[in-house]
């Protein structure tokens, strides 16, 4: 009897690419393919690439080369695959190249180069790939990324995503809600809503009314967020473009329907630089909105990303950005030193800055943000809050609060954590803080995920040193997001 063919898999890039990988792996398993944990044990290898910035392109090409060296039979997909000539020039021996979110094309290539000749039950495709019907997940069991759309309609001059992933294509709202229900029913406690532009959800279909559970529901971010908030899990919004209608979701956060967490990339503060970037608003408008958001939802956590050293940026304009950060007091910040990306419009702009200047400005921005982060976290000492346990060891645990997205924000380190389990909600009392993380003790365990993040209670302040976790566990609250991930079949995964 023929054995089931084995596929090795490498997933690089952002959470959107991770979801693509999950869908490919789910289809492979549905068709009877096995997944090999090593290249040597695989009959073929699929590499899901990232092509957003040059360092990601380099890492993707390196991963393809490694797979070719150790296996020899490689299919390439993902964002770099949209530049098929780049892949084939570097690695002409790859078997096939497809673009991102190309499940059908990937499976066609697999069928061509590794047909499954093992006996196959023709009804197996009718059975979900897991008992709960959620397919293969590459995240821990207790949280999952929920992708609501593909592509982007914006033409930011520093970005090439539209050329890689196309224009906005929103998923039907009923389909999104059904997937979310399956995930929650399977034990997922936190849904991380992702897309290229979450706030644009439904624009391409003119906010068409769909149906979920027999009830009408508009294809729009606010209505979707409200519906997701009814499922009983934490709901966290990522990649929210600063449109005016983003204001509409803040009351949902204040009411505890969804997490009071907003991931909104402002990118800069100078009006002139934002215009060169083809980004909206400016410092004054964004500061006014931040004040309004916090007035409605005082517990709101705001994460943002910025670019330092954009072409033509003067020292005075960079100081505008620093002044904006000093006044905005954002909770989480990532910063990139500007790097030219092949195909980006910004490459044609005058005034390119030396790398040393770009890196120096990035470092100065992050130094300022670290002090702001430390100040804001210190203010949480003495609070009680609900956290979600990510890791549990004898006597200690690592968790996240409503203010912490997995792998990109800080953590809550819990001592005296006897009996805590991964995926469990627990109420803790914050005893200490540093520039990145909180240190706490458990108060009570919870089975349900309340989203009200914190309330003030009397607490003795203890020295942070007594609560330190090992240094490798520290996850910066203000840091640059990694560009790519490690092979999921090998050393784990970093999400960017």
Protein backbone atom coordinates (compact mmCIF):
# COMPACT_ATOMS: atom_id res chain seq x y z
CA UNK A 1 0.00 0.00 0.00
CA UNK A 2 1.39 3.41 -0.98
CA UNK A 3 2.22 5.74 1.89
CA UNK A 4 0.70 9.18 2.11
CA UNK A 5 3.04 11.74 0.51
CA UNK A 6 4.71 14.15 2.93
CA UNK A 7 4.96 17.91 2.52
CA UNK A 8 7.41 20.19 4.33
CA UNK A 9 6.18 23.69 5.02
CA UNK A 10 7.78 27.07 5.77
CA UNK A 11 5.62 30.09 6.68
CA UNK A 12 7.22 33.53 6.56
CA UNK A 13 5.81 37.00 7.10
CA UNK A 14 2.83 38.59 8.80
CA UNK A 15 -0.32 37.12 10.38
CA UNK A 16 -2.16 37.47 7.05
CA UNK A 17 0.36 35.12 5.46
CA UNK A 18 0.04 32.82 8.47
CA UNK A 19 -3.69 32.46 7.79
CA UNK A 20 -2.88 31.61 4.15
CA UNK A 21 -0.51 28.91 5.42
CA UNK A 22 -3.20 27.50 7.71
CA UNK A 23 -5.61 27.22 4.78
CA UNK A 24 -3.04 25.46 2.57
CA UNK A 25 -2.13 23.02 5.33
CA UNK A 26 -5.80 22.35 6.03
CA UNK A 27 -6.43 21.50 2.36
CA UNK A 28 -3.34 19.29 2.24
CA UNK A 29 -4.52 17.33 5.25
CA UNK A 30 -8.04 17.10 3.87
CA UNK A 31 -6.62 15.49 0.70
CA UNK A 32 -4.59 12.97 2.65
CA UNK A 33 -1.15 14.59 2.54
CA UNK A 34 1.02 14.39 5.65
CA UNK A 35 3.15 17.27 6.96
CA UNK A 36 6.80 16.49 7.56
CA UNK A 37 8.65 18.21 10.45
CA UNK A 38 11.91 18.14 8.45
CA UNK A 39 13.01 18.85 4.91
CA UNK A 40 14.75 15.48 4.68
CA UNK A 41 11.56 13.62 5.51
CA UNK A 42 9.43 15.49 2.99
CA UNK A 43 8.64 14.58 -0.61
CA UNK A 44 8.22 18.25 -1.48
CA UNK A 45 8.49 21.60 0.36
CA UNK A 46 6.17 24.62 0.16
CA UNK A 47 7.66 28.00 1.13
CA UNK A 48 5.14 30.77 1.87
CA UNK A 49 7.19 33.93 1.39
CA UNK A 50 7.19 37.58 2.46
CA UNK A 51 8.09 40.38 0.06
CA UNK A 52 7.12 43.54 1.94
CA UNK A 53 10.59 45.00 2.55
CA UNK A 54 14.01 44.15 1.18
CA UNK A 55 15.14 42.31 4.32
CA UNK A 56 12.06 40.11 4.09
CA UNK A 57 12.79 39.39 0.42
CA UNK A 58 16.33 38.37 1.38
CA UNK A 59 15.10 36.10 4.16
CA UNK A 60 12.53 34.52 1.84
CA UNK A 61 15.12 33.86 -0.85
CA UNK A 62 17.41 32.35 1.79
CA UNK A 63 14.60 30.07 2.99
CA UNK A 64 13.91 28.92 -0.58
CA UNK A 65 17.61 28.22 -1.07
CA UNK A 66 17.79 26.24 2.16
CA UNK A 67 14.78 24.15 1.16
CA UNK A 68 16.29 23.49 -2.27
CA UNK A 69 19.63 22.50 -0.74
CA UNK A 70 18.09 20.11 1.78
CA UNK A 71 15.21 18.74 -0.29
CA UNK A 72 15.46 19.86 -3.92
CA UNK A 73 11.72 19.96 -4.70
CA UNK A 74 10.21 23.34 -3.78
CA UNK A 75 6.96 25.19 -4.50
CA UNK A 76 6.97 28.93 -3.74
CA UNK A 77 3.90 30.94 -2.78
CA UNK A 78 3.13 34.18 -0.94
CA UNK A 79 3.93 37.85 -1.50
CA UNK A 80 7.38 37.33 -2.99
CA UNK A 81 5.77 34.84 -5.35
CA UNK A 82 3.96 37.79 -6.94
CA UNK A 83 7.43 38.71 -8.24
CA UNK A 84 7.99 35.40 -9.95
CA UNK A 85 10.92 36.69 -11.97
CA UNK A 86 12.80 37.59 -8.76
CA UNK A 87 12.29 34.09 -7.38
CA UNK A 88 13.23 32.30 -10.60
CA UNK A 89 16.30 34.44 -11.21
CA UNK A 90 17.61 33.58 -7.76
CA UNK A 91 16.39 29.97 -7.75
CA UNK A 92 15.62 28.66 -11.26
CA UNK A 93 15.13 25.09 -9.97
CA UNK A 94 11.90 25.79 -8.05
CA UNK A 95 9.02 23.69 -9.34
CA UNK A 96 6.32 26.38 -9.29
CA UNK A 97 5.72 29.95 -8.15
CA UNK A 98 2.36 31.45 -7.13
CA UNK A 99 1.32 34.73 -5.52
CA UNK A 100 -0.33 35.27 -2.12
CA UNK A 101 -3.70 33.83 -1.01
CA UNK A 102 -3.45 31.39 -3.93
CA UNK A 103 -4.77 28.17 -2.40
CA UNK A 104 -6.06 26.71 -5.69
CA UNK A 105 -2.84 27.45 -7.57
CA UNK A 106 -0.72 25.94 -4.79
CA UNK A 107 -2.82 22.77 -4.74
CA UNK A 108 -2.66 22.52 -8.54
CA UNK A 109 1.16 22.62 -8.29
CA UNK A 110 1.12 20.00 -5.54
CA UNK A 111 -1.12 17.73 -7.60
CA UNK A 112 1.20 18.09 -10.60
CA UNK A 113 4.47 17.48 -8.80
CA UNK A 114 3.34 15.21 -5.95
CA UNK A 115 0.10 13.42 -6.79
CA UNK A 116 -1.38 11.48 -3.90
CA UNK A 117 -1.62 7.90 -5.11
CA UNK A 118 -2.36 6.46 -1.68
CA UNK A 119 -5.88 5.04 -1.21
CA UNK A 120 -8.15 7.96 -0.45
CA UNK A 121 -11.68 7.99 0.92
CA UNK A 122 -13.72 10.07 -1.57
CA UNK A 123 -15.86 11.37 1.29
CA UNK A 124 -12.88 12.64 3.32
CA UNK A 125 -13.23 16.13 1.81
CA UNK A 126 -16.64 16.37 3.45
CA UNK A 127 -15.11 15.93 6.90
CA UNK A 128 -13.59 18.99 8.63
CA UNK A 129 -9.81 18.87 9.03
CA UNK A 130 -10.23 18.92 12.80
CA UNK A 131 -12.91 17.63 15.10
CA UNK A 132 -14.13 21.19 15.69
CA UNK A 133 -14.10 22.04 11.98
CA UNK A 134 -11.56 24.85 12.26
CA UNK A 135 -8.80 23.30 10.17
CA UNK A 136 -5.08 23.45 10.86
CA UNK A 137 -3.99 26.24 13.23
CA UNK A 138 -0.42 27.48 13.57
CA UNK A 139 -1.17 29.57 16.64
CA UNK A 140 -1.66 28.17 20.15
CA UNK A 141 -5.08 26.67 20.76
CA UNK A 142 -6.38 29.62 22.78
CA UNK A 143 -6.00 32.41 20.22
CA UNK A 144 -6.43 32.70 16.47
CA UNK A 145 -6.09 35.23 13.67
CA UNK A 146 -9.34 36.01 11.86
CA UNK A 147 -8.65 37.46 8.41
CA UNK A 148 -11.60 39.51 7.15
CA UNK A 149 -10.31 40.79 3.81
CA UNK A 150 -7.49 40.69 1.29
CA UNK A 151 -5.64 43.48 -0.46
CA UNK A 152 -5.68 47.25 -0.02
CA UNK A 153 -7.05 50.24 -1.94
CA UNK A 154 -4.47 52.70 -0.63
CA UNK A 155 -1.35 53.67 -2.52
CA UNK A 156 1.05 54.68 0.25
CA UNK A 157 4.30 55.59 -1.46
CA UNK A 158 6.47 53.43 0.81
CA UNK A 159 4.35 50.29 0.36
CA UNK A 160 3.98 47.70 -2.40
CA UNK A 161 1.24 45.58 -0.81
CA UNK A 162 -1.40 46.45 -3.47
CA UNK A 163 0.96 45.22 -6.20
CA UNK A 164 1.50 41.99 -4.25
CA UNK A 165 -1.97 41.29 -2.85
CA UNK A 166 -4.23 43.39 -5.06
CA UNK A 167 -7.06 45.75 -4.20
CA UNK A 168 -9.42 45.32 -1.27
CA UNK A 169 -11.55 42.17 -1.35
CA UNK A 170 -13.79 41.78 1.70
CA UNK A 171 -14.93 38.34 2.82
CA UNK A 172 -18.70 37.88 3.18
CA UNK A 173 -19.69 38.90 6.69
CA UNK A 174 -21.64 35.69 7.29
CA UNK A 175 -18.62 33.61 6.32
CA UNK A 176 -16.40 35.58 8.71
CA UNK A 177 -18.86 35.15 11.58
CA UNK A 178 -19.28 31.43 10.96
CA UNK A 179 -15.50 30.96 11.08
CA UNK A 180 -15.33 32.99 14.28
CA UNK A 181 -18.05 30.84 15.86
CA UNK A 182 -16.21 27.65 14.95
CA UNK A 183 -13.00 28.98 16.46
CA UNK A 184 -14.67 30.01 19.72
CA UNK A 185 -16.53 26.69 19.92
CA UNK A 186 -13.17 24.93 19.47
CA UNK A 187 -11.71 26.66 22.52
CA UNK A 188 -10.26 29.89 21.10
CA UNK A 189 -10.41 32.59 23.79
CA UNK A 190 -9.09 35.49 21.74
CA UNK A 191 -9.84 36.51 18.15
CA UNK A 192 -7.27 38.77 16.49
CA UNK A 193 -8.99 40.54 13.60
CA UNK A 194 -6.54 41.15 10.75
CA UNK A 195 -6.43 42.38 7.15
CA UNK A 196 -4.39 44.90 5.19
CA UNK A 197 -6.91 47.58 6.19
CA UNK A 198 -9.45 46.46 8.78
CA UNK A 199 -11.30 49.77 8.85
CA UNK A 200 -12.00 49.53 5.09
CA UNK A 201 -13.88 46.25 5.53
CA UNK A 202 -16.92 46.28 3.25
CA UNK A 203 -15.98 49.38 1.22
CA UNK A 204 -15.57 47.30 -1.94
CA UNK A 205 -19.09 45.86 -1.60
CA UNK A 206 -20.63 49.17 -0.48
CA UNK A 207 -21.23 47.76 3.01
CA UNK A 208 -23.57 45.14 1.61
CA UNK A 209 -25.98 43.58 4.10
CA UNK A 210 -25.25 39.90 4.66
CA UNK A 211 -26.72 37.36 7.04
CA UNK A 212 -25.48 35.53 10.11
CA UNK A 213 -27.68 33.12 11.98
CA UNK A 214 -30.65 34.22 9.91
CA UNK A 215 -30.21 37.86 10.97
CA UNK A 216 -29.10 40.75 8.72
CA UNK A 217 -25.60 42.11 9.34
CA UNK A 218 -23.82 44.85 7.38
CA UNK A 219 -20.39 44.18 5.90
CA UNK A 220 -18.77 46.96 7.90
CA UNK A 221 -16.09 47.05 10.62
CA UNK A 222 -18.30 48.49 13.36
CA UNK A 223 -21.14 46.02 12.86
CA UNK A 224 -18.70 43.11 12.50
CA UNK A 225 -16.90 44.10 15.71
CA UNK A 226 -20.19 44.26 17.59
CA UNK A 227 -21.22 40.82 16.33
CA UNK A 228 -17.84 39.29 17.17
CA UNK A 229 -18.11 40.79 20.63
CA UNK A 230 -21.24 38.72 21.26
CA UNK A 231 -19.36 35.40 20.95
CA UNK A 232 -17.82 35.48 24.43
CA UNK A 233 -14.14 35.75 23.45
CA UNK A 234 -11.67 38.60 23.52
CA UNK A 235 -11.78 40.51 20.20
CA UNK A 236 -8.71 42.57 19.25
CA UNK A 237 -8.60 44.87 16.19
CA UNK A 238 -5.37 45.12 14.18
CA UNK A 239 -4.30 47.18 11.14
CA UNK A 240 -6.92 49.91 11.54
CA UNK A 241 -6.39 52.77 9.09
CA UNK A 242 -7.23 56.14 10.72
CA UNK A 243 -10.55 56.78 8.97
CA UNK A 244 -13.12 59.03 10.71
CA UNK A 245 -15.53 56.10 11.17
CA UNK A 246 -12.98 54.36 13.41
CA UNK A 247 -14.49 56.61 16.10
CA UNK A 248 -17.59 54.40 15.96
CA UNK A 249 -15.86 51.35 17.48
CA UNK A 250 -14.58 53.20 20.57
CA UNK A 251 -17.96 52.98 22.38
CA UNK A 252 -17.90 49.20 21.81
CA UNK A 253 -14.58 49.14 23.63
CA UNK A 254 -15.87 51.35 26.43
CA UNK A 255 -18.87 49.04 26.88
CA UNK A 256 -16.66 45.94 27.10
CA UNK A 257 -17.93 44.41 23.85
CA UNK A 258 -14.44 44.21 22.35
CA UNK A 259 -11.00 44.80 23.81
CA UNK A 260 -10.04 48.45 24.39
CA UNK A 261 -7.09 48.08 22.02
CA UNK A 262 -6.55 49.91 18.76
CA UNK A 263 -3.70 49.11 16.37
CA UNK A 264 -3.59 52.18 14.14
CA UNK A 265 -0.48 53.05 12.07
CA UNK A 266 -0.04 56.84 12.09
CA UNK A 267 3.38 56.56 10.35
CA UNK A 268 4.40 60.20 10.95
CA UNK A 269 3.31 63.55 12.36
CA UNK A 270 4.59 66.08 9.81
CA UNK A 271 1.88 67.20 7.42
CA UNK A 272 4.38 67.45 4.55
CA UNK A 273 5.87 64.02 5.14
CA UNK A 274 2.42 62.45 5.47
CA UNK A 275 1.49 64.02 2.14
CA UNK A 276 4.62 62.55 0.56
CA UNK A 277 3.62 59.19 2.04
CA UNK A 278 0.04 59.63 0.75
CA UNK A 279 -1.22 59.13 4.30
CA UNK A 280 -4.16 61.00 5.88
CA UNK A 281 -4.34 63.61 8.66
CA UNK A 282 -1.51 65.23 10.59
CA UNK A 283 -0.34 65.59 14.18
CA UNK A 284 -2.99 68.08 15.29
CA UNK A 285 -5.90 66.04 13.93
CA UNK A 286 -4.57 62.76 15.30
CA UNK A 287 -3.91 64.25 18.75
CA UNK A 288 -7.47 65.57 18.83
CA UNK A 289 -8.84 62.13 17.94
CA UNK A 290 -6.66 60.39 20.52
CA UNK A 291 -7.96 62.76 23.20
CA UNK A 292 -11.54 62.08 22.09
CA UNK A 293 -11.03 58.31 22.09
CA UNK A 294 -9.55 58.35 25.58
CA UNK A 295 -12.38 60.56 26.85
CA UNK A 296 -14.86 57.89 25.76
CA UNK A 297 -12.68 54.88 26.71
CA UNK A 298 -10.09 55.83 29.37
CA UNK A 299 -8.65 52.29 29.40
CA UNK A 300 -7.89 52.37 25.66
CA UNK A 301 -4.50 50.98 24.60
CA UNK A 302 -3.18 52.50 21.37
CA UNK A 303 -0.49 50.76 19.33
CA UNK A 304 1.04 52.47 16.32
CA UNK A 305 3.94 52.25 13.89
CA UNK A 306 6.13 54.99 12.45
CA UNK A 307 8.79 55.45 9.78
CA UNK A 308 11.90 57.45 10.65
CA UNK A 309 14.18 58.93 8.00
CA UNK A 310 11.65 59.06 5.14
CA UNK A 311 13.12 60.70 2.00
CA UNK A 312 13.33 64.45 2.45
CA UNK A 313 12.57 64.33 6.20
CA UNK A 314 14.32 67.28 7.86
CA UNK A 315 15.56 67.33 11.44
CA UNK A 316 12.72 69.76 12.24
CA UNK A 317 10.13 67.37 10.77
CA UNK A 318 11.59 64.48 12.73
CA UNK A 319 11.33 66.65 15.84
CA UNK A 320 7.63 67.11 15.00
CA UNK A 321 7.32 63.33 15.21
CA UNK A 322 9.09 63.21 18.58
CA UNK A 323 6.90 66.04 19.86
CA UNK A 324 3.82 64.15 18.71
CA UNK A 325 4.89 61.04 20.61
CA UNK A 326 5.68 63.06 23.71
CA UNK A 327 2.17 64.52 23.70
CA UNK A 328 0.22 61.47 22.47
CA UNK A 329 1.74 59.13 25.11
CA UNK A 330 0.98 56.05 23.01
CA UNK A 331 1.11 52.70 24.79
CA UNK A 332 2.84 50.58 22.14
CA UNK A 333 5.04 51.78 19.31
CA UNK A 334 7.04 50.13 16.56
CA UNK A 335 9.41 52.06 14.32
CA UNK A 336 11.18 51.27 11.07
CA UNK A 337 14.12 53.18 9.71
CA UNK A 338 13.02 53.92 6.15
CA UNK A 339 14.33 51.38 3.69
CA UNK A 340 13.82 51.56 -0.10
CA UNK A 341 11.54 48.81 -1.36
CA UNK A 342 11.74 47.72 -4.97
CA UNK A 343 8.69 49.02 -6.80
CA UNK A 344 7.70 51.63 -4.19
CA UNK A 345 6.85 55.15 -5.40
CA UNK A 346 8.92 56.67 -2.59
CA UNK A 347 12.08 55.52 -4.35
CA UNK A 348 11.65 58.40 -6.79
CA UNK A 349 11.47 61.07 -4.07
CA UNK A 350 14.34 63.49 -3.63
CA UNK A 351 16.32 63.83 -0.44
CA UNK A 352 17.23 60.23 0.42
CA UNK A 353 18.94 60.19 3.81
CA UNK A 354 22.09 58.24 4.70
CA UNK A 355 21.47 54.98 6.50
CA UNK A 356 23.31 56.29 9.58
CA UNK A 357 20.85 59.19 9.87
CA UNK A 358 17.83 56.93 9.40
CA UNK A 359 19.02 54.48 12.03
CA UNK A 360 19.94 57.26 14.45
CA UNK A 361 16.45 58.73 14.19
CA UNK A 362 14.85 55.33 14.69
CA UNK A 363 16.95 54.79 17.82
CA UNK A 364 16.07 58.23 19.20
CA UNK A 365 12.38 57.62 18.64
CA UNK A 366 12.49 54.26 20.35
CA UNK A 367 14.45 55.67 23.28
CA UNK A 368 11.75 58.29 23.82
CA UNK A 369 8.99 55.71 23.49
CA UNK A 370 10.68 53.40 25.99
CA UNK A 371 10.49 56.11 28.64
CA UNK A 372 6.82 56.73 27.80
CA UNK A 373 6.06 53.02 27.95
CA UNK A 374 7.80 52.71 31.32
CA UNK A 375 5.78 55.63 32.69
CA UNK A 376 2.45 54.22 31.48
CA UNK A 377 3.20 50.74 32.82
CA UNK A 378 4.31 52.11 36.19
CA UNK A 379 0.86 53.68 36.48
CA UNK A 380 -0.64 50.18 36.40
CA UNK A 381 1.03 49.11 39.65
CA UNK A 382 -1.73 48.49 42.17
CA UNK A 383 -4.35 47.56 39.58
CA UNK A 384 -6.25 44.33 39.27
CA UNK A 385 -6.83 43.09 35.75
CA UNK A 386 -7.87 40.01 33.84
CA UNK A 387 -5.11 38.30 31.86
CA UNK A 388 -4.96 35.35 29.46
CA UNK A 389 -2.31 32.73 30.22
CA UNK A 390 0.05 31.98 27.28
CA UNK A 391 2.66 29.86 29.08
CA UNK A 392 2.50 27.98 32.36
CA UNK A 393 5.44 26.54 34.30
CA UNK A 394 5.58 25.22 37.86
CA UNK A 395 5.12 28.25 40.08
CA UNK A 396 5.14 30.89 37.34
CA UNK A 397 3.25 31.83 34.20
CA UNK A 398 3.40 34.28 31.32
CA UNK A 399 0.15 35.98 30.37
CA UNK A 400 -1.21 38.93 28.45
CA UNK A 401 -3.64 41.65 29.43
CA UNK A 402 -6.15 43.45 27.24
CA UNK A 403 -3.29 45.81 26.37
CA UNK A 404 -1.03 43.08 24.96
CA UNK A 405 -1.30 41.49 21.53
CA UNK A 406 0.62 38.21 21.23
CA UNK A 407 4.27 38.35 20.17
CA UNK A 408 4.43 42.09 19.44
CA UNK A 409 3.57 43.68 22.81
CA UNK A 410 4.63 43.13 26.41
CA UNK A 411 3.60 40.37 28.77
CA UNK A 412 2.41 39.94 32.35
CA UNK A 413 4.79 37.74 34.36
CA UNK A 414 2.98 35.92 37.17
CA UNK A 415 4.74 34.42 40.18
CA UNK A 416 3.11 32.00 42.65
CA UNK A 417 1.05 30.78 39.69
CA UNK A 418 0.21 27.35 40.96
CA UNK A 419 -2.39 25.44 38.98
CA UNK A 420 -2.74 27.94 36.15
CA UNK A 421 -3.30 26.52 32.67
CA UNK A 422 -2.58 27.84 29.20
CA UNK A 423 -5.68 29.47 27.75
CA UNK A 424 -7.14 30.27 31.16
CA UNK A 425 -8.29 33.71 32.24
CA UNK A 426 -7.05 34.79 35.66
CA UNK A 427 -7.40 37.97 37.66
CA UNK A 428 -4.07 39.33 38.85
CA UNK A 429 -2.78 42.20 40.96
CA UNK A 430 0.06 44.19 39.42
CA UNK A 431 3.02 44.52 41.79
CA UNK A 432 5.80 45.90 39.59
CA UNK A 433 6.62 47.07 36.07
CA UNK A 434 9.52 47.91 33.80
CA UNK A 435 9.65 49.57 30.39
CA UNK A 436 8.09 46.57 28.69
CA UNK A 437 6.32 44.13 31.00
CA UNK A 438 4.19 43.88 34.13
CA UNK A 439 4.83 41.60 37.13
CA UNK A 440 1.85 40.35 39.10
CA UNK A 441 0.39 37.77 41.48
CA UNK A 442 -2.80 35.79 40.87
CA UNK A 443 -5.95 36.77 42.72
CA UNK A 444 -8.66 34.56 41.25
CA UNK A 445 -9.08 32.38 38.18
CA UNK A 446 -11.86 33.13 35.71
CA UNK A 447 -13.58 30.88 33.22
CA UNK A 448 -15.15 33.71 31.21
CA UNK A 449 -13.21 36.45 29.39
CA UNK A 450 -14.39 39.81 30.78
CA UNK A 451 -12.82 42.62 28.79
CA UNK A 452 -12.93 45.33 31.44
CA UNK A 453 -9.17 45.59 31.79
CA UNK A 454 -8.41 46.98 35.24
CA UNK A 455 -9.62 48.58 38.43
CA UNK A 456 -7.71 50.26 41.23
CA UNK A 457 -7.22 48.36 44.49
CA UNK A 458 -4.82 48.88 47.40
CA UNK A 459 -1.56 47.01 46.86
CA UNK A 460 1.91 47.05 48.34
CA UNK A 461 4.58 47.87 45.78
CA UNK A 462 7.26 45.22 45.58
CA UNK A 463 10.65 45.48 43.98
CA UNK A 464 10.59 44.57 40.31
CA UNK A 465 13.71 42.48 40.75
CA UNK A 466 11.81 40.01 42.89
CA UNK A 467 9.39 39.37 40.06
CA UNK A 468 11.79 39.11 37.12
CA UNK A 469 11.30 36.35 34.63
CA UNK A 470 14.33 35.14 32.64
CA UNK A 471 15.65 37.79 30.27
CA UNK A 472 14.67 35.83 27.16
CA UNK A 473 11.01 36.06 28.16
CA UNK A 474 10.97 39.86 27.96
CA UNK A 475 8.98 41.06 24.99
CA UNK A 476 9.47 44.77 24.31
CA UNK A 477 6.31 46.87 24.45
CA UNK A 478 7.91 49.36 22.08
CA UNK A 479 9.71 47.55 19.33
CA UNK A 480 10.02 47.00 15.62
CA UNK A 481 7.94 44.16 14.27
CA UNK A 482 10.01 41.37 12.69
CA UNK A 483 9.71 41.07 8.97
CA UNK A 484 9.45 37.32 8.65
CA UNK A 485 9.04 34.08 10.50
CA UNK A 486 11.00 30.90 10.99
CA UNK A 487 9.89 27.60 9.45
CA UNK A 488 6.77 26.49 11.25
CA UNK A 489 7.85 22.87 10.98
CA UNK A 490 11.11 23.63 12.74
CA UNK A 491 12.04 26.23 15.30
CA UNK A 492 8.66 27.80 15.89
CA UNK A 493 7.23 31.08 14.67
CA UNK A 494 7.69 34.80 15.09
CA UNK A 495 4.79 36.90 13.87
CA UNK A 496 5.28 40.26 12.27
